[in-house]
Amino acid sequence: MGGEKCIVPVPGAFAPFWGAFMAGRGEEVSQRFYEATYFGDAEATADHLAALVLEGTKRATATLVWGLEHEGKRLPRPGDLSIVTNWAREPLCVIETQSVRVVPFDHVTEAFAAAEGEEDASLSYWRDAHWAYYGRECLRIGREPAPWMPVVCEQFAVIYRSKG
């Protein structure tokens, strides 16, 4: 998963939203589209985290490298654009990846946990919540969670919000 240049098309269901985003940009940026996604693996969590993104509290996300590998997906890169949705897959905003670092789970920093903005934004909460989440993901992909499992620490900025 190196520097391959794989252009992912914007899914058709998101075309009107993406079109409105593009109309305000004045430039073609579809080649920078990375994904349309929600955060978390349950409705209440996904909707809560989307609200945190929209209010500016959540400015980062952490993804298990093993999950990306399992899906055959490349790592995010600075400049990538993603559509954040709620659980119902309604597009809410476009985020731009600002920075990406891959670190072992047990090397995630307090500053990164704070940028994720979840609950009390502490590293302790981050570790507990993400250990449980990655445990479920590891079970799904046939891996065993470990303190050294590689985590993509991605920081982002909201660059467009739904008008609705």
Protein backbone atom coordinates (compact mmCIF):
# COMPACT_ATOMS: atom_id res chain seq x y z
CA MET A 1 0.00 0.00 0.00
CA GLY A 2 2.41 2.60 -1.11
CA GLY A 3 1.95 5.61 -3.32
CA GLU A 4 -0.40 4.03 -5.86
CA LYS A 5 -2.67 6.50 -7.61
CA CYS A 6 -6.07 4.85 -7.55
CA ILE A 7 -8.94 7.16 -8.38
CA VAL A 8 -12.13 6.18 -6.59
CA PRO A 9 -15.32 7.45 -8.18
CA VAL A 10 -17.81 9.35 -6.05
CA PRO A 11 -20.70 6.90 -5.46
CA GLY A 12 -23.78 7.83 -7.50
CA ALA A 13 -25.97 8.28 -4.43
CA PHE A 14 -23.70 11.16 -3.37
CA ALA A 15 -23.49 12.83 -6.81
CA PRO A 16 -25.94 15.68 -6.03
CA PHE A 17 -24.15 16.50 -2.75
CA TRP A 18 -20.73 16.29 -4.42
CA GLY A 19 -22.00 18.43 -7.30
CA ALA A 20 -23.09 21.17 -4.88
CA PHE A 21 -19.70 20.97 -3.18
CA MET A 22 -17.90 21.19 -6.53
CA ALA A 23 -20.04 24.12 -7.72
CA GLY A 24 -18.75 26.22 -4.83
CA ARG A 25 -15.11 25.29 -5.41
CA GLY A 26 -14.56 26.53 -8.92
CA GLU A 27 -12.14 23.67 -9.60
CA GLU A 28 -12.35 19.96 -10.34
CA VAL A 29 -11.22 17.94 -7.32
CA SER A 30 -12.98 14.61 -7.88
CA GLN A 31 -9.59 12.92 -8.37
CA ARG A 32 -8.97 13.63 -4.66
CA PHE A 33 -12.11 11.78 -3.50
CA TYR A 34 -11.22 9.08 -0.97
CA GLU A 35 -14.48 7.76 0.50
CA ALA A 36 -17.98 8.40 1.79
CA THR A 37 -18.08 7.21 5.37
CA TYR A 38 -19.52 7.44 8.84
CA PHE A 39 -17.51 7.04 12.03
CA GLY A 40 -18.14 4.11 14.37
CA ASP A 41 -19.99 0.84 13.96
CA ALA A 42 -23.42 1.58 15.44
CA GLU A 43 -26.14 4.10 14.65
CA ALA A 44 -26.01 6.12 17.87
CA THR A 45 -22.22 6.33 17.73
CA ALA A 46 -22.10 7.26 14.04
CA ASP A 47 -24.69 10.02 14.45
CA HIS A 48 -23.03 11.37 17.61
CA LEU A 49 -19.57 11.43 15.99
CA ALA A 50 -20.95 13.13 12.87
CA ALA A 51 -22.42 15.85 15.10
CA LEU A 52 -19.01 16.29 16.76
CA VAL A 53 -17.42 16.73 13.31
CA LEU A 54 -20.02 19.34 12.33
CA GLU A 55 -19.53 21.33 15.55
CA GLY A 56 -15.73 21.26 15.13
CA THR A 57 -14.99 19.15 18.20
CA LYS A 58 -13.90 16.05 16.26
CA ARG A 59 -10.98 16.94 13.99
CA ALA A 60 -9.32 13.53 13.74
CA THR A 61 -10.06 9.86 13.27
CA ALA A 62 -8.13 6.64 13.81
CA THR A 63 -8.38 3.66 11.50
CA LEU A 64 -6.91 0.21 11.95
CA VAL A 65 -4.38 -0.46 9.16
CA TRP A 66 -5.37 -4.12 9.17
CA GLY A 67 -8.96 -3.16 8.35
CA LEU A 68 -7.84 -1.09 5.36
CA GLU A 69 -5.63 -3.95 4.17
CA HIS A 70 -8.53 -6.40 4.57
CA GLU A 71 -10.70 -4.14 2.37
CA GLY A 72 -7.91 -3.63 -0.19
CA LYS A 73 -7.99 0.09 0.48
CA ARG A 74 -4.99 2.42 0.46
CA LEU A 75 -4.05 4.60 3.41
CA PRO A 76 -5.50 8.11 3.37
CA ARG A 77 -3.14 10.89 2.29
CA PRO A 78 -3.02 14.63 2.96
CA GLY A 79 -5.29 16.36 0.46
CA ASP A 80 -7.77 13.48 0.23
CA LEU A 81 -11.43 14.50 0.35
CA SER A 82 -14.11 12.42 2.05
CA ILE A 83 -17.83 12.76 2.52
CA VAL A 84 -18.92 12.29 6.14
CA THR A 85 -22.39 10.82 6.52
CA ASN A 86 -24.66 9.86 9.35
CA TRP A 87 -25.66 6.22 9.90
CA ALA A 88 -28.50 6.61 7.37
CA ARG A 89 -25.82 7.51 4.77
CA GLU A 90 -27.05 11.08 4.39
CA PRO A 91 -24.11 13.30 3.38
CA LEU A 92 -23.34 16.00 5.96
CA CYS A 93 -19.98 17.51 5.06
CA VAL A 94 -16.73 17.12 3.14
CA ILE A 95 -13.50 16.79 5.08
CA GLU A 96 -9.97 17.25 3.79
CA THR A 97 -7.21 15.09 5.24
CA GLN A 98 -4.56 17.38 6.75
CA SER A 99 -2.04 14.86 8.12
CA VAL A 100 -1.58 11.10 8.44
CA ARG A 101 0.67 9.15 10.78
CA VAL A 102 0.75 5.39 11.33
CA VAL A 103 1.67 4.44 14.88
CA PRO A 104 1.23 1.41 17.11
CA PHE A 105 -2.00 1.50 19.14
CA ASP A 106 -0.11 2.04 22.37
CA HIS A 107 1.81 5.02 20.88
CA VAL A 108 -1.24 7.18 20.13
CA THR A 109 -0.73 10.48 21.93
CA GLU A 110 -2.86 12.55 24.29
CA ALA A 111 -2.86 15.34 21.69
CA PHE A 112 -4.31 13.02 19.05
CA ALA A 113 -6.95 11.69 21.45
CA ALA A 114 -7.93 15.30 22.21
CA ALA A 115 -8.23 16.06 18.47
CA GLU A 116 -10.60 13.10 18.10
CA GLY A 117 -12.79 14.99 20.58
CA GLU A 118 -14.77 12.03 21.87
CA GLU A 119 -16.29 12.04 25.38
CA ASP A 120 -13.77 13.75 27.70
CA ALA A 121 -11.10 13.77 24.93
CA SER A 122 -8.67 11.95 27.22
CA LEU A 123 -6.14 9.34 26.13
CA SER A 124 -7.58 6.96 28.71
CA TYR A 125 -11.05 7.18 27.16
CA TRP A 126 -9.56 6.93 23.66
CA ARG A 127 -7.67 3.73 24.53
CA ASP A 128 -10.68 2.06 26.18
CA ALA A 129 -13.14 2.96 23.42
CA HIS A 130 -10.78 2.16 20.54
CA TRP A 131 -9.56 -1.10 22.09
CA ALA A 132 -13.20 -2.25 22.18
CA TYR A 133 -13.88 -0.97 18.64
CA TYR A 134 -10.69 -2.49 17.17
CA GLY A 135 -11.45 -5.72 19.02
CA ARG A 136 -14.75 -5.96 17.13
CA GLU A 137 -13.00 -5.08 13.87
CA CYS A 138 -10.25 -7.66 14.47
CA LEU A 139 -12.88 -10.32 15.12
CA ARG A 140 -14.57 -9.40 11.82
CA ILE A 141 -11.34 -9.66 9.80
CA GLY A 142 -9.79 -12.62 11.61
CA ARG A 143 -7.01 -10.80 13.48
CA GLU A 144 -6.05 -10.65 17.13
CA PRO A 145 -5.93 -7.19 18.76
CA ALA A 146 -2.50 -6.24 20.11
CA PRO A 147 -0.94 -3.15 21.69
CA TRP A 148 1.35 -2.87 18.66
CA MET A 149 -1.42 -3.05 16.02
CA PRO A 150 -0.88 -0.27 13.45
CA VAL A 151 -3.30 2.65 13.64
CA VAL A 152 -3.72 5.40 11.03
CA CYS A 153 -3.97 8.70 12.93
CA GLU A 154 -5.63 11.09 10.48
CA GLN A 155 -6.33 14.76 11.17
CA PHE A 156 -8.82 16.61 8.99
CA ALA A 157 -10.66 19.87 8.45
CA VAL A 158 -14.29 20.37 7.41
CA ILE A 159 -14.23 22.26 4.11
CA TYR A 160 -17.91 22.02 3.09
CA ARG A 161 -21.20 21.54 4.92
CA SER A 162 -24.55 20.37 3.64
CA LYS A 163 -26.94 23.24 3.00
CA GLY A 164 -29.85 21.12 4.29
